[in-house]
Amino acid sequence: MSAQTIDKVSGLVAMNSLMAMVGGTLAAWVIGRNDPGFTYNGPLAGLVAVCAGSDLMHPMGALVVGLIAGALFVYMFTLVQNRWKIDDVLGVWPLHGLCGLWGGLAAGIFGAKALGGIGGVTFLAQLIGTSLGVAIALISGFVVYGLLKAILGIRMSQEEEYEGADLSIHRISSTPDREPNW
């Protein structure tokens, strides 16, 4: 997907995408102790991470990028859910945020000629660009959610939270086959 159009896809991009998926899958499978949620999200972690440098790095570099991304996802998802008690059910922040950040930095590392990459990229440039991306996302998020909170409110009442958003907002249950009106 980082190639934008099908005519821009090269064998290197395809191979690196595959290698990163393999790395993410293996790391998530091993570290996540064969948990299906981790095993299925591992390839996504690898793909998110390799996107920034899929046309720059050697396939073995892409494999390493995927391995680190898969491990990073499992560790951070577990930390966010169990220790920090943040409700990020789908793991959006660890999967897209942190693995994307890792991928931006990894392009500067594994894109270097010394590690088999094609060169033309530096770690410092990737660090600056990735940092700017994180800063823009944080500032934009605080502005948008701050305005939504001030104007509309973004928190449900305690009763609605207890019932869950499915019932209190959408008026559906998580088990539609048990609905009395079916």
C-alpha atoms as a PDB file:
ATOM      1  CA  MET A   1       0.000   0.000   0.000  1.00  0.00           C
ATOM      2  CA  SER A   2       2.913   2.379   0.485  1.00  0.00           C
ATOM      3  CA  ALA A   3       3.551   2.249  -3.282  1.00  0.00           C
ATOM      4  CA  GLN A   4       0.213   4.116  -3.811  1.00  0.00           C
ATOM      5  CA  THR A   5      -0.606   2.508  -7.184  1.00  0.00           C
ATOM      6  CA  ILE A   6      -0.194  -0.988  -8.578  1.00  0.00           C
ATOM      7  CA  ASP A   7       2.274   0.114 -11.269  1.00  0.00           C
ATOM      8  CA  LYS A   8       4.649   1.377  -8.578  1.00  0.00           C
ATOM      9  CA  VAL A   9       4.794  -1.963  -6.771  1.00  0.00           C
ATOM     10  CA  SER A  10       8.188  -3.527  -7.168  1.00  0.00           C
ATOM     11  CA  GLY A  11       9.430  -6.972  -6.314  1.00  0.00           C
ATOM     12  CA  LEU A  12      11.350  -5.440  -3.412  1.00  0.00           C
ATOM     13  CA  VAL A  13       8.235  -3.838  -1.936  1.00  0.00           C
ATOM     14  CA  ALA A  14       6.281  -7.076  -2.281  1.00  0.00           C
ATOM     15  CA  MET A  15       9.087  -9.166  -0.772  1.00  0.00           C
ATOM     16  CA  ASN A  16       9.648  -6.752   2.102  1.00  0.00           C
ATOM     17  CA  SER A  17       5.936  -6.647   2.869  1.00  0.00           C
ATOM     18  CA  LEU A  18       5.852 -10.428   2.979  1.00  0.00           C
ATOM     19  CA  MET A  19       8.999 -10.653   5.126  1.00  0.00           C
ATOM     20  CA  ALA A  20       7.683  -8.082   7.604  1.00  0.00           C
ATOM     21  CA  MET A  21       4.389  -9.968   7.838  1.00  0.00           C
ATOM     22  CA  VAL A  22       6.279 -13.198   8.541  1.00  0.00           C
ATOM     23  CA  GLY A  23       8.395 -11.497  11.202  1.00  0.00           C
ATOM     24  CA  GLY A  24       5.382  -9.898  12.872  1.00  0.00           C
ATOM     25  CA  THR A  25       3.469 -13.163  12.830  1.00  0.00           C
ATOM     26  CA  LEU A  26       6.306 -15.213  14.308  1.00  0.00           C
ATOM     27  CA  ALA A  27       7.099 -12.727  17.065  1.00  0.00           C
ATOM     28  CA  ALA A  28       3.453 -12.251  18.032  1.00  0.00           C
ATOM     29  CA  TRP A  29       2.836 -15.991  17.945  1.00  0.00           C
ATOM     30  CA  VAL A  30       5.835 -16.835  20.154  1.00  0.00           C
ATOM     31  CA  ILE A  31       5.666 -13.915  22.582  1.00  0.00           C
ATOM     32  CA  GLY A  32       1.858 -13.951  22.671  1.00  0.00           C
ATOM     33  CA  ARG A  33       1.905 -17.683  23.476  1.00  0.00           C
ATOM     34  CA  ASN A  34      -0.170 -18.621  20.433  1.00  0.00           C
ATOM     35  CA  ASP A  35      -3.017 -16.257  21.392  1.00  0.00           C
ATOM     36  CA  PRO A  36      -5.194 -15.835  18.277  1.00  0.00           C
ATOM     37  CA  GLY A  37      -5.619 -12.087  18.759  1.00  0.00           C
ATOM     38  CA  PHE A  38      -1.882 -11.571  18.843  1.00  0.00           C
ATOM     39  CA  THR A  39      -1.233 -14.058  16.054  1.00  0.00           C
ATOM     40  CA  TYR A  40      -3.708 -12.298  13.741  1.00  0.00           C
ATOM     41  CA  ASN A  41      -2.470  -8.804  14.589  1.00  0.00           C
ATOM     42  CA  GLY A  42       1.223  -9.724  14.274  1.00  0.00           C
ATOM     43  CA  PRO A  43       1.197  -9.534  10.462  1.00  0.00           C
ATOM     44  CA  LEU A  44      -0.517  -6.149  10.645  1.00  0.00           C
ATOM     45  CA  ALA A  45       2.133  -4.909  13.049  1.00  0.00           C
ATOM     46  CA  GLY A  46       4.832  -5.988  10.596  1.00  0.00           C
ATOM     47  CA  LEU A  47       3.058  -4.355   7.650  1.00  0.00           C
ATOM     48  CA  VAL A  48       2.503  -1.090   9.493  1.00  0.00           C
ATOM     49  CA  ALA A  49       6.147  -0.981  10.517  1.00  0.00           C
ATOM     50  CA  VAL A  50       7.646  -1.811   7.111  1.00  0.00           C
ATOM     51  CA  CYS A  51       5.504   0.677   5.183  1.00  0.00           C
ATOM     52  CA  ALA A  52       7.922   3.600   5.591  1.00  0.00           C
ATOM     53  CA  GLY A  53      10.872   1.658   4.236  1.00  0.00           C
ATOM     54  CA  SER A  54       9.461  -1.139   2.119  1.00  0.00           C
ATOM     55  CA  ASP A  55      11.251   0.207  -0.940  1.00  0.00           C
ATOM     56  CA  LEU A  56      14.522   0.940   0.884  1.00  0.00           C
ATOM     57  CA  MET A  57      15.590  -2.046   2.925  1.00  0.00           C
ATOM     58  CA  HIS A  58      16.927  -5.520   2.334  1.00  0.00           C
ATOM     59  CA  PRO A  59      14.365  -8.315   2.907  1.00  0.00           C
ATOM     60  CA  MET A  60      16.297  -9.516   5.966  1.00  0.00           C
ATOM     61  CA  GLY A  61      15.991  -5.993   7.384  1.00  0.00           C
ATOM     62  CA  ALA A  62      12.253  -6.146   6.727  1.00  0.00           C
ATOM     63  CA  LEU A  63      12.099  -9.447   8.597  1.00  0.00           C
ATOM     64  CA  VAL A  64      13.826  -7.861  11.602  1.00  0.00           C
ATOM     65  CA  VAL A  65      11.512  -4.843  11.411  1.00  0.00           C
ATOM     66  CA  GLY A  66       8.516  -7.206  11.459  1.00  0.00           C
ATOM     67  CA  LEU A  67       9.909  -9.265  14.332  1.00  0.00           C
ATOM     68  CA  ILE A  68      10.420  -6.159  16.461  1.00  0.00           C
ATOM     69  CA  ALA A  69       6.997  -4.773  15.505  1.00  0.00           C
ATOM     70  CA  GLY A  70       5.235  -8.029  16.421  1.00  0.00           C
ATOM     71  CA  ALA A  71       7.004  -8.168  19.773  1.00  0.00           C
ATOM     72  CA  LEU A  72       6.349  -4.468  20.395  1.00  0.00           C
ATOM     73  CA  PHE A  73       2.649  -4.923  19.691  1.00  0.00           C
ATOM     74  CA  VAL A  74       2.213  -7.882  22.036  1.00  0.00           C
ATOM     75  CA  TYR A  75       4.148  -6.256  24.862  1.00  0.00           C
ATOM     76  CA  MET A  76       2.500  -2.838  24.580  1.00  0.00           C
ATOM     77  CA  PHE A  77      -1.034  -4.175  24.038  1.00  0.00           C
ATOM     78  CA  THR A  78      -0.677  -6.271  27.186  1.00  0.00           C
ATOM     79  CA  LEU A  79       0.766  -3.326  29.112  1.00  0.00           C
ATOM     80  CA  VAL A  80      -1.956  -0.913  27.962  1.00  0.00           C
ATOM     81  CA  GLN A  81      -4.803  -3.328  28.747  1.00  0.00           C
ATOM     82  CA  ASN A  82      -3.601  -5.004  31.933  1.00  0.00           C
ATOM     83  CA  ARG A  83      -1.381  -2.560  33.755  1.00  0.00           C
ATOM     84  CA  TRP A  84      -2.468   0.858  32.531  1.00  0.00           C
ATOM     85  CA  LYS A  85      -6.157  -0.192  32.268  1.00  0.00           C
ATOM     86  CA  ILE A  86      -6.716   1.847  29.090  1.00  0.00           C
ATOM     87  CA  ASP A  87      -9.675   0.670  27.037  1.00  0.00           C
ATOM     88  CA  ASP A  88      -8.107   0.228  23.607  1.00  0.00           C
ATOM     89  CA  VAL A  89      -9.867  -3.013  22.731  1.00  0.00           C
ATOM     90  CA  LEU A  90      -8.522  -3.277  19.192  1.00  0.00           C
ATOM     91  CA  GLY A  91      -5.014  -2.197  20.123  1.00  0.00           C
ATOM     92  CA  VAL A  92      -5.062   0.774  17.774  1.00  0.00           C
ATOM     93  CA  TRP A  93      -2.398   2.730  19.635  1.00  0.00           C
ATOM     94  CA  PRO A  94       0.132  -0.100  19.992  1.00  0.00           C
ATOM     95  CA  LEU A  95      -0.552  -1.466  16.502  1.00  0.00           C
ATOM     96  CA  HIS A  96      -0.696   1.666  14.386  1.00  0.00           C
ATOM     97  CA  GLY A  97       0.865   4.271  16.649  1.00  0.00           C
ATOM     98  CA  LEU A  98       3.877   2.506  18.097  1.00  0.00           C
ATOM     99  CA  CYS A  99       4.552   0.120  15.227  1.00  0.00           C
ATOM    100  CA  GLY A 100       4.248   3.056  12.819  1.00  0.00           C
ATOM    101  CA  LEU A 101       6.697   5.051  14.932  1.00  0.00           C
ATOM    102  CA  TRP A 102       9.090   2.088  14.970  1.00  0.00           C
ATOM    103  CA  GLY A 103       8.731   1.751  11.197  1.00  0.00           C
ATOM    104  CA  GLY A 104       9.584   5.395  10.614  1.00  0.00           C
ATOM    105  CA  LEU A 105      12.771   4.990  12.619  1.00  0.00           C
ATOM    106  CA  ALA A 106      13.532   1.547  11.148  1.00  0.00           C
ATOM    107  CA  ALA A 107      13.534   3.007   7.621  1.00  0.00           C
ATOM    108  CA  GLY A 108      16.487   5.156   8.667  1.00  0.00           C
ATOM    109  CA  ILE A 109      18.269   2.177  10.195  1.00  0.00           C
ATOM    110  CA  PHE A 110      17.641  -0.615   7.691  1.00  0.00           C
ATOM    111  CA  GLY A 111      17.554   1.662   4.640  1.00  0.00           C
ATOM    112  CA  ALA A 112      21.256   2.379   5.116  1.00  0.00           C
ATOM    113  CA  LYS A 113      23.663   0.795   2.636  1.00  0.00           C
ATOM    114  CA  ALA A 114      25.706  -0.614   5.527  1.00  0.00           C
ATOM    115  CA  LEU A 115      22.754  -2.884   6.433  1.00  0.00           C
ATOM    116  CA  GLY A 116      21.901  -3.893   2.870  1.00  0.00           C
ATOM    117  CA  GLY A 117      19.476  -1.079   2.106  1.00  0.00           C
ATOM    118  CA  ILE A 118      19.565   1.057  -1.009  1.00  0.00           C
ATOM    119  CA  GLY A 119      20.631   4.191   0.900  1.00  0.00           C
ATOM    120  CA  GLY A 120      19.451   7.737   0.355  1.00  0.00           C
ATOM    121  CA  VAL A 121      17.911   7.943   3.806  1.00  0.00           C
ATOM    122  CA  THR A 122      19.414   8.795   7.168  1.00  0.00           C
ATOM    123  CA  PHE A 123      18.365   7.922  10.666  1.00  0.00           C
ATOM    124  CA  LEU A 124      18.420  11.605  11.678  1.00  0.00           C
ATOM    125  CA  ALA A 125      16.019  12.554   8.873  1.00  0.00           C
ATOM    126  CA  GLN A 126      13.694   9.703   9.850  1.00  0.00           C
ATOM    127  CA  LEU A 127      13.902  10.668  13.524  1.00  0.00           C
ATOM    128  CA  ILE A 128      12.968  14.267  12.742  1.00  0.00           C
ATOM    129  CA  GLY A 129      10.138  13.295  10.377  1.00  0.00           C
ATOM    130  CA  THR A 130       8.746  10.682  12.735  1.00  0.00           C
ATOM    131  CA  SER A 131       8.923  13.088  15.678  1.00  0.00           C
ATOM    132  CA  LEU A 132       7.078  15.736  13.680  1.00  0.00           C
ATOM    133  CA  GLY A 133       4.406  13.192  12.740  1.00  0.00           C
ATOM    134  CA  VAL A 134       3.931  12.228  16.389  1.00  0.00           C
ATOM    135  CA  ALA A 135       3.811  15.892  17.460  1.00  0.00           C
ATOM    136  CA  ILE A 136       1.215  16.755  14.804  1.00  0.00           C
ATOM    137  CA  ALA A 137      -0.918  13.757  15.774  1.00  0.00           C
ATOM    138  CA  LEU A 138      -0.751  14.585  19.489  1.00  0.00           C
ATOM    139  CA  ILE A 139      -1.545  18.267  19.050  1.00  0.00           C
ATOM    140  CA  SER A 140      -4.352  17.566  16.576  1.00  0.00           C
ATOM    141  CA  GLY A 141      -5.801  14.880  18.828  1.00  0.00           C
ATOM    142  CA  PHE A 142      -5.828  17.143  21.869  1.00  0.00           C
ATOM    143  CA  VAL A 143      -7.422  19.988  19.882  1.00  0.00           C
ATOM    144  CA  VAL A 144     -10.111  17.833  18.238  1.00  0.00           C
ATOM    145  CA  TYR A 145     -11.014  15.836  21.351  1.00  0.00           C
ATOM    146  CA  GLY A 146     -10.808  18.965  23.514  1.00  0.00           C
ATOM    147  CA  LEU A 147     -13.324  20.708  21.270  1.00  0.00           C
ATOM    148  CA  LEU A 148     -15.592  17.655  21.151  1.00  0.00           C
ATOM    149  CA  LYS A 149     -15.441  17.329  24.926  1.00  0.00           C
ATOM    150  CA  ALA A 150     -16.234  21.023  25.451  1.00  0.00           C
ATOM    151  CA  ILE A 151     -19.027  21.201  22.881  1.00  0.00           C
ATOM    152  CA  LEU A 152     -20.693  17.784  22.911  1.00  0.00           C
ATOM    153  CA  GLY A 153     -19.168  15.804  25.740  1.00  0.00           C
ATOM    154  CA  ILE A 154     -17.463  12.523  24.966  1.00  0.00           C
ATOM    155  CA  ARG A 155     -18.082  10.547  28.128  1.00  0.00           C
ATOM    156  CA  MET A 156     -21.095   8.351  28.770  1.00  0.00           C
ATOM    157  CA  SER A 157     -22.882   8.418  32.108  1.00  0.00           C
ATOM    158  CA  GLN A 158     -21.995   5.754  34.680  1.00  0.00           C
ATOM    159  CA  GLU A 159     -25.195   3.872  33.897  1.00  0.00           C
ATOM    160  CA  GLU A 160     -24.473   3.958  30.145  1.00  0.00           C
ATOM    161  CA  GLU A 161     -20.908   2.790  30.749  1.00  0.00           C
ATOM    162  CA  TYR A 162     -22.197  -0.092  32.843  1.00  0.00           C
ATOM    163  CA  GLU A 163     -24.673  -1.143  30.137  1.00  0.00           C
ATOM    164  CA  GLY A 164     -22.076  -0.632  27.418  1.00  0.00           C
ATOM    165  CA  ALA A 165     -22.204   1.489  24.285  1.00  0.00           C
ATOM    166  CA  ASP A 166     -23.890  -1.248  22.255  1.00  0.00           C
ATOM    167  CA  LEU A 167     -27.039  -1.100  24.364  1.00  0.00           C
ATOM    168  CA  SER A 168     -27.061   2.500  25.577  1.00  0.00           C
ATOM    169  CA  ILE A 169     -26.128   4.277  22.338  1.00  0.00           C
ATOM    170  CA  HIS A 170     -26.730   1.874  19.457  1.00  0.00           C
ATOM    171  CA  ARG A 171     -29.650  -0.021  21.037  1.00  0.00           C
ATOM    172  CA  ILE A 172     -28.268  -3.406  20.022  1.00  0.00           C
ATOM    173  CA  SER A 173     -26.844  -6.215  22.077  1.00  0.00           C
ATOM    174  CA  SER A 174     -23.682  -8.160  21.503  1.00  0.00           C
ATOM    175  CA  THR A 175     -25.822 -11.288  21.107  1.00  0.00           C
ATOM    176  CA  PRO A 176     -28.472 -10.418  18.486  1.00  0.00           C
ATOM    177  CA  ASP A 177     -29.619 -14.014  18.252  1.00  0.00           C
ATOM    178  CA  ARG A 178     -30.969 -13.665  21.812  1.00  0.00           C
ATOM    179  CA  GLU A 179     -32.926 -10.493  21.108  1.00  0.00           C
ATOM    180  CA  PRO A 180     -36.562 -10.912  22.154  1.00  0.00           C
ATOM    181  CA  ASN A 181     -37.821  -8.942  19.133  1.00  0.00           C
ATOM    182  CA  TRP A 182     -36.214 -11.246  16.530  1.00  0.00           C
END
